Amino acid sequence: MEEFKQFGIDPDIIVPEESLIYGLACTFSLAEKQIESCLKQYKLSIPKFNALMIIKHQGGEAGISQAEISKKLIVTASNITKLLDRLEKDELIKRFPDPDDRRVNIIKVTEKASLLIEEVWSIYIEKVKEVSAVFNSDEQVQLGQLFKKWYLSLIK
């Protein structure tokens, strides 16, 4: 527990549940900063990149609704609107009215976004591998399964 001293956490009074949450939060924050640094050269943030990936790969040719993007990114409707506004301003997405429901916008990536994703993907995945390299592949799978279990318990 000594490693938590650097974060201002008293290792003598921390309980296992707190070390799990603090450790996850600190690790996520540091990993996110490293990944974001590789995206920055393309004028992308992690939320922008994740939104583009969802729109392109889960929306496909048909596109995806703003509400679905919001659910998948686990953000509020107002936050997704602001994020999509920025992506639209950057000419990376287009909004189309849903022909069946005027209240719904269907979001699709532009050709510019597709090319950007293609260009960024290999750099992004290399950074993810680098950040995860402290674990061997078996440990990565095990951790992935544990996080999935935790995630599924929290979304109930």
Protein backbone atom coordinates (compact mmCIF):
# COMPACT_ATOMS: atom_id res chain seq x y z
CA MET A 1 0.00 0.00 0.00
CA GLU A 2 3.04 2.27 0.16
CA GLU A 3 2.51 3.19 -3.50
CA PHE A 4 -0.55 5.24 -2.52
CA LYS A 5 1.50 7.72 -0.48
CA GLN A 6 2.38 9.56 -3.70
CA PHE A 7 -1.35 10.28 -4.13
CA GLY A 8 -1.76 11.65 -0.60
CA ILE A 9 -3.46 8.50 0.67
CA ASP A 10 -2.45 7.18 4.09
CA PRO A 11 -1.46 3.52 3.50
CA ASP A 12 -2.06 2.67 7.17
CA ILE A 13 -5.79 3.38 7.01
CA ILE A 14 -6.71 2.38 3.48
CA VAL A 15 -8.99 -0.64 3.10
CA PRO A 16 -8.87 -3.13 0.17
CA GLU A 17 -11.95 -1.65 -1.53
CA GLU A 18 -10.40 1.82 -1.42
CA SER A 19 -7.08 0.59 -2.79
CA LEU A 20 -8.97 -1.03 -5.66
CA ILE A 21 -10.85 2.17 -6.51
CA TYR A 22 -7.87 4.50 -5.96
CA GLY A 23 -5.56 2.20 -7.89
CA LEU A 24 -8.00 1.98 -10.78
CA ALA A 25 -8.61 5.74 -10.82
CA CYS A 26 -4.92 6.60 -10.69
CA THR A 27 -3.97 4.01 -13.30
CA PHE A 28 -6.80 5.09 -15.61
CA SER A 29 -5.81 8.74 -15.29
CA LEU A 30 -2.17 8.07 -16.17
CA ALA A 31 -3.00 5.68 -19.02
CA GLU A 32 -5.54 8.15 -20.39
CA LYS A 33 -2.94 10.95 -20.41
CA GLN A 34 -0.49 8.80 -22.37
CA ILE A 35 -3.10 7.73 -24.90
CA GLU A 36 -4.43 11.27 -25.24
CA SER A 37 -0.90 12.53 -25.95
CA CYS A 38 -0.67 10.33 -29.05
CA LEU A 39 -4.11 11.50 -30.26
CA LYS A 40 -3.37 15.17 -29.70
CA GLN A 41 -1.18 15.42 -32.79
CA TYR A 42 -4.32 14.62 -34.82
CA LYS A 43 -6.41 17.20 -32.92
CA LEU A 44 -8.36 14.39 -31.29
CA SER A 45 -9.27 13.77 -27.67
CA ILE A 46 -10.18 10.36 -26.31
CA PRO A 47 -13.92 11.22 -26.25
CA LYS A 48 -13.76 12.43 -29.88
CA PHE A 49 -11.86 9.33 -30.98
CA ASN A 50 -14.20 6.98 -29.10
CA ALA A 51 -17.26 8.71 -30.57
CA LEU A 52 -15.85 8.43 -34.09
CA MET A 53 -15.09 4.75 -33.58
CA ILE A 54 -18.62 4.06 -32.33
CA ILE A 55 -20.21 6.03 -35.17
CA LYS A 56 -18.06 4.38 -37.84
CA HIS A 57 -18.00 0.81 -36.60
CA GLN A 58 -21.29 0.42 -34.77
CA GLY A 59 -23.31 2.82 -36.88
CA GLY A 60 -21.86 1.69 -40.18
CA GLU A 61 -23.48 2.89 -43.41
CA ALA A 62 -26.87 3.36 -41.72
CA GLY A 63 -25.46 5.62 -39.01
CA ILE A 64 -26.33 5.66 -35.33
CA SER A 65 -28.59 7.83 -33.21
CA GLN A 66 -27.25 10.43 -30.83
CA ALA A 67 -28.99 8.61 -27.97
CA GLU A 68 -27.19 5.35 -28.82
CA ILE A 69 -23.81 7.10 -28.93
CA SER A 70 -24.58 8.69 -25.57
CA LYS A 71 -25.42 5.28 -24.06
CA LYS A 72 -22.30 3.64 -25.43
CA LEU A 73 -20.02 6.44 -24.19
CA ILE A 74 -21.90 6.62 -20.87
CA VAL A 75 -22.41 10.39 -21.10
CA THR A 76 -25.40 12.68 -20.77
CA ALA A 77 -27.45 13.90 -23.71
CA SER A 78 -26.09 17.45 -23.33
CA ASN A 79 -22.49 16.22 -23.25
CA ILE A 80 -22.95 14.15 -26.39
CA THR A 81 -24.56 17.12 -28.15
CA LYS A 82 -21.53 19.29 -27.35
CA LEU A 83 -19.12 16.57 -28.45
CA LEU A 84 -21.00 16.02 -31.71
CA ASP A 85 -21.11 19.79 -32.30
CA ARG A 86 -17.31 19.85 -32.14
CA LEU A 87 -17.00 16.84 -34.45
CA GLU A 88 -19.41 18.43 -36.91
CA LYS A 89 -17.47 21.70 -36.80
CA ASP A 90 -14.32 19.70 -37.62
CA GLU A 91 -16.22 18.14 -40.56
CA LEU A 92 -15.81 14.64 -39.12
CA ILE A 93 -19.51 13.79 -38.81
CA LYS A 94 -22.81 14.69 -40.39
CA ARG A 95 -26.23 14.71 -38.77
CA PHE A 96 -29.27 13.48 -40.67
CA PRO A 97 -32.89 13.60 -39.52
CA ASP A 98 -34.38 10.17 -38.90
CA PRO A 99 -37.13 9.75 -41.51
CA ASP A 100 -39.23 7.81 -38.99
CA ASP A 101 -38.83 10.19 -36.04
CA ARG A 102 -38.13 13.90 -36.48
CA ARG A 103 -36.86 14.13 -32.88
CA VAL A 104 -33.94 11.80 -33.67
CA ASN A 105 -30.70 12.60 -35.45
CA ILE A 106 -28.76 9.87 -37.22
CA ILE A 107 -25.02 10.43 -37.11
CA LYS A 108 -22.57 9.26 -39.77
CA VAL A 109 -18.84 9.79 -40.17
CA THR A 110 -17.54 11.74 -43.15
CA GLU A 111 -14.90 10.53 -45.57
CA LYS A 112 -12.48 12.87 -43.79
CA ALA A 113 -13.19 11.05 -40.50
CA SER A 114 -12.76 7.62 -42.10
CA LEU A 115 -9.36 8.62 -43.44
CA LEU A 116 -8.37 10.10 -40.07
CA ILE A 117 -9.40 6.95 -38.19
CA GLU A 118 -7.40 4.85 -40.63
CA GLU A 119 -4.35 7.07 -40.13
CA VAL A 120 -4.62 7.19 -36.34
CA TRP A 121 -5.54 3.56 -35.65
CA SER A 122 -2.06 2.02 -35.84
CA ILE A 123 -0.54 4.74 -33.66
CA TYR A 124 -3.40 4.46 -31.17
CA ILE A 125 -3.19 0.67 -30.92
CA GLU A 126 0.60 0.81 -30.46
CA LYS A 127 0.14 3.25 -27.56
CA VAL A 128 -2.51 0.99 -26.01
CA LYS A 129 -0.11 -1.96 -26.30
CA GLU A 130 2.68 0.10 -24.76
CA VAL A 131 0.52 1.21 -21.84
CA SER A 132 -0.65 -2.39 -21.26
CA ALA A 133 2.77 -4.01 -21.69
CA VAL A 134 3.36 -4.39 -17.96
CA PHE A 135 1.01 -7.41 -18.20
CA ASN A 136 1.55 -10.49 -20.33
CA SER A 137 -1.29 -11.53 -22.64
CA ASP A 138 -2.78 -14.01 -20.14
CA GLU A 139 -2.87 -11.30 -17.47
CA GLN A 140 -4.43 -8.86 -19.94
CA VAL A 141 -7.18 -11.37 -20.72
CA GLN A 142 -7.74 -12.06 -17.03
CA LEU A 143 -7.93 -8.36 -16.18
CA GLY A 144 -10.26 -7.77 -19.12
CA GLN A 145 -12.57 -10.50 -17.82
CA LEU A 146 -12.50 -9.08 -14.30
CA PHE A 147 -13.31 -5.57 -15.54
CA LYS A 148 -16.12 -6.96 -17.69
CA LYS A 149 -17.55 -8.74 -14.64
CA TRP A 150 -17.32 -5.53 -12.61
CA TYR A 151 -18.80 -3.42 -15.40
CA LEU A 152 -21.76 -5.78 -15.90
CA SER A 153 -22.47 -5.71 -12.16
CA LEU A 154 -22.57 -1.90 -12.19
CA ILE A 155 -24.89 -1.43 -15.18
CA LYS A 156 -27.71 -3.50 -13.66
